[in-house]
Protein backbone atom coordinates (compact mmCIF):
# COMPACT_ATOMS: atom_id res chain seq x y z
CA MET A 1 10.69 -53.78 -33.60
CA GLU A 2 9.88 -57.21 -32.20
CA ILE A 3 6.87 -59.47 -32.50
CA TRP A 4 6.01 -61.94 -29.76
CA PRO A 5 4.53 -65.19 -31.07
CA HIS A 6 1.15 -66.13 -29.60
CA ARG A 7 1.42 -69.91 -29.33
CA ASN A 8 5.13 -70.42 -29.09
CA THR A 9 6.77 -71.72 -25.95
CA ASN A 10 10.07 -70.16 -27.04
CA PRO A 11 10.61 -67.09 -24.80
CA LYS A 12 12.82 -65.33 -27.39
CA PRO A 13 11.12 -62.61 -29.44
CA ILE A 14 11.08 -62.83 -33.22
CA LYS A 15 12.72 -59.84 -34.87
CA LEU A 16 10.57 -58.20 -37.56
CA SER A 17 13.58 -57.68 -39.84
CA LYS A 18 14.28 -61.42 -39.68
CA VAL A 19 10.67 -62.23 -40.68
CA LEU A 20 10.80 -59.83 -43.63
CA GLN A 21 14.20 -61.17 -44.68
CA ASN A 22 12.87 -64.74 -44.61
CA ASP A 23 9.90 -63.68 -46.76
CA ALA A 24 12.23 -62.06 -49.30
CA GLU A 25 14.42 -65.18 -49.38
CA GLN A 26 11.35 -67.38 -49.91
CA GLU A 27 10.23 -65.18 -52.79
CA ARG A 28 13.72 -65.27 -54.34
CA ASP A 29 13.76 -69.07 -54.08
CA MET A 30 10.29 -69.30 -55.63
CA ARG A 31 11.34 -67.05 -58.52
CA ALA A 32 14.48 -69.13 -59.11
CA GLU A 33 12.42 -72.33 -59.07
CA ILE A 34 9.95 -70.85 -61.56
CA GLN A 35 12.84 -69.83 -63.84
CA GLU A 36 14.27 -73.37 -63.70
CA MET A 37 10.87 -74.88 -64.51
CA LYS A 38 10.46 -72.45 -67.43
CA LYS A 39 13.86 -73.46 -68.82
CA GLU A 40 12.87 -77.11 -68.58
CA HIS A 41 9.45 -76.30 -70.06
CA ASN A 42 11.07 -74.59 -73.04
CA SER A 43 13.36 -77.56 -73.63
CA VAL A 44 10.46 -80.06 -73.76
CA SER A 45 8.79 -80.60 -77.12
CA MET A 46 5.04 -80.13 -76.91
CA MET A 47 4.40 -82.58 -79.75
CA ASP A 48 6.64 -85.40 -78.49
CA GLU A 49 6.04 -85.19 -74.71
CA PHE A 50 2.67 -83.54 -74.28
CA ALA A 51 1.94 -85.03 -70.83
CA ARG A 52 5.24 -83.82 -69.37
CA TYR A 53 4.81 -80.45 -71.10
CA ALA A 54 1.31 -79.99 -69.64
CA ARG A 55 2.45 -81.12 -66.18
CA LEU A 56 5.30 -78.59 -66.19
CA GLU A 57 2.94 -75.85 -67.35
CA ARG A 58 0.51 -76.60 -64.51
CA LYS A 59 3.40 -76.63 -62.02
CA ILE A 60 4.64 -73.28 -63.30
CA ASN A 61 1.15 -71.77 -63.09
CA LYS A 62 0.65 -73.13 -59.57
CA MET A 63 4.02 -71.81 -58.37
CA THR A 64 3.38 -68.41 -60.00
CA ASP A 65 0.01 -68.15 -58.26
CA LYS A 66 1.64 -69.11 -54.96
CA LEU A 67 4.31 -66.44 -55.48
CA LYS A 68 1.68 -63.78 -56.28
CA THR A 69 -0.25 -64.69 -53.12
CA HIS A 70 2.93 -64.54 -51.06
CA VAL A 71 3.90 -61.12 -52.48
CA LYS A 72 0.38 -59.78 -51.85
CA SER A 73 0.49 -61.01 -48.27
CA ARG A 74 3.91 -59.44 -47.64
CA THR A 75 2.83 -56.15 -49.23
CA ALA A 76 -0.31 -56.06 -47.07
CA GLN A 77 1.77 -56.78 -43.97
CA GLN A 78 4.18 -53.94 -44.82
CA ALA A 79 1.30 -51.53 -45.47
CA LYS A 80 -0.24 -52.45 -42.12
CA MET A 81 3.06 -51.87 -40.30
CA LYS A 82 3.54 -48.51 -42.05
CA TRP A 83 -0.01 -47.50 -41.11
CA MET A 84 0.57 -48.47 -37.47
CA VAL A 85 3.85 -46.52 -37.30
CA ASN A 86 2.18 -43.45 -38.83
CA ILE A 87 -0.70 -43.62 -36.34
CA GLY A 88 1.82 -43.97 -33.51
CA PHE A 89 3.67 -40.86 -34.66
CA TYR A 90 0.44 -38.87 -34.98
CA ILE A 91 -0.60 -39.87 -31.46
CA LEU A 92 2.83 -38.93 -30.12
CA GLN A 93 2.70 -35.57 -31.90
CA ALA A 94 -0.80 -34.83 -30.59
CA ALA A 95 0.20 -35.75 -27.03
CA LEU A 96 3.26 -33.52 -27.24
CA MET A 97 1.24 -30.56 -28.53
CA ILE A 98 -1.46 -30.97 -25.92
CA SER A 99 1.13 -31.16 -23.15
CA LEU A 100 2.89 -28.02 -24.45
CA ILE A 101 -0.39 -26.11 -24.67
CA TRP A 102 -1.36 -27.31 -21.18
CA LYS A 103 1.97 -26.33 -19.63
CA TYR A 104 2.47 -22.96 -21.37
CA TYR A 105 -1.10 -21.74 -21.95
CA ALA A 106 -0.60 -18.54 -19.90
CA ASP A 107 2.84 -17.60 -21.25
CA PRO A 108 3.38 -16.03 -24.67
CA VAL A 109 6.08 -17.62 -26.80
CA THR A 110 7.20 -14.16 -27.85
CA VAL A 111 5.90 -10.60 -27.74
CA VAL A 112 5.83 -8.47 -30.88
CA PRO A 113 4.52 -4.94 -31.45
CA SER A 114 0.71 -5.02 -31.44
CA LYS A 115 0.46 -3.22 -34.80
CA TRP A 116 2.20 -6.18 -36.54
CA ILE A 117 -0.74 -8.45 -35.75
CA ALA A 118 -3.42 -5.79 -35.25
CA PRO A 119 -6.50 -7.40 -36.81
CA LEU A 120 -5.77 -10.85 -35.40
CA GLU A 121 -4.16 -9.84 -32.11
CA ARG A 122 -6.57 -11.74 -29.84
CA LEU A 123 -6.48 -14.86 -32.03
CA VAL A 124 -2.67 -14.90 -32.21
CA ALA A 125 -2.35 -14.30 -28.46
CA PHE A 126 -4.74 -17.17 -27.58
CA PRO A 127 -4.65 -18.61 -24.89
CA SER A 128 -2.13 -16.29 -23.17
CA ARG A 129 -4.23 -13.08 -23.52
CA VAL A 130 -1.08 -10.92 -23.51
CA ALA A 131 -1.30 -7.89 -25.78
CA GLY A 132 1.10 -8.39 -28.70
CA GLY A 133 1.95 -11.86 -27.51
CA VAL A 134 2.06 -14.97 -29.66
CA GLY A 135 0.37 -17.83 -27.83
CA ILE A 136 1.61 -21.41 -27.85
CA THR A 137 -1.38 -22.60 -29.90
CA CYS A 138 -0.73 -20.14 -32.74
CA TRP A 139 2.98 -20.89 -32.58
CA LEU A 140 2.41 -24.66 -32.91
CA VAL A 141 -0.01 -24.20 -35.81
CA VAL A 142 2.46 -21.99 -37.67
CA CYS A 143 5.38 -24.35 -36.96
CA ASN A 144 3.37 -27.35 -38.20
CA LYS A 145 2.44 -25.52 -41.39
CA VAL A 146 6.04 -24.46 -42.06
CA VAL A 147 7.31 -28.02 -41.51
CA SER A 148 4.55 -29.40 -43.71
CA ILE A 149 5.38 -26.98 -46.55
CA GLY A 150 9.09 -27.76 -46.16
CA LEU A 151 8.50 -31.52 -46.31
CA HIS A 152 6.23 -31.11 -49.32
CA ALA A 153 8.89 -29.03 -51.11
CA VAL A 154 11.55 -31.66 -50.40
CA SER A 155 9.48 -34.63 -51.58
């Protein structure tokens, strides 16, 4: 997936994986820097060098807040991308189902003995109206339900 920058004169697209990798590297660097400052902070005596001790503590707090903000931003960006991909898949699925129903509305997917589906024969045959037939709409609903149950069982 690629993202085109809005105000960049560079015609090359920015790869999303590269952006996420850079964010992860920045976070790793920030964590390492915080660890180094904490080591230094622990080595400084609060009684002897209070000003330096307080300065280091403020720096650590500031860097930790910056890291938390960065992680929140990255997490929100990932959630947004996941949401957009899910919406895209749902739209694709709906378009595929509508096109299948449109193309095969008059043809039954299969024909079974009428007594197998006796009370619901007209509903199952919709929209093909063939006695004992299983219409594309019913077939898609059943297939979706079976896939949904299968995915739920796996996860």
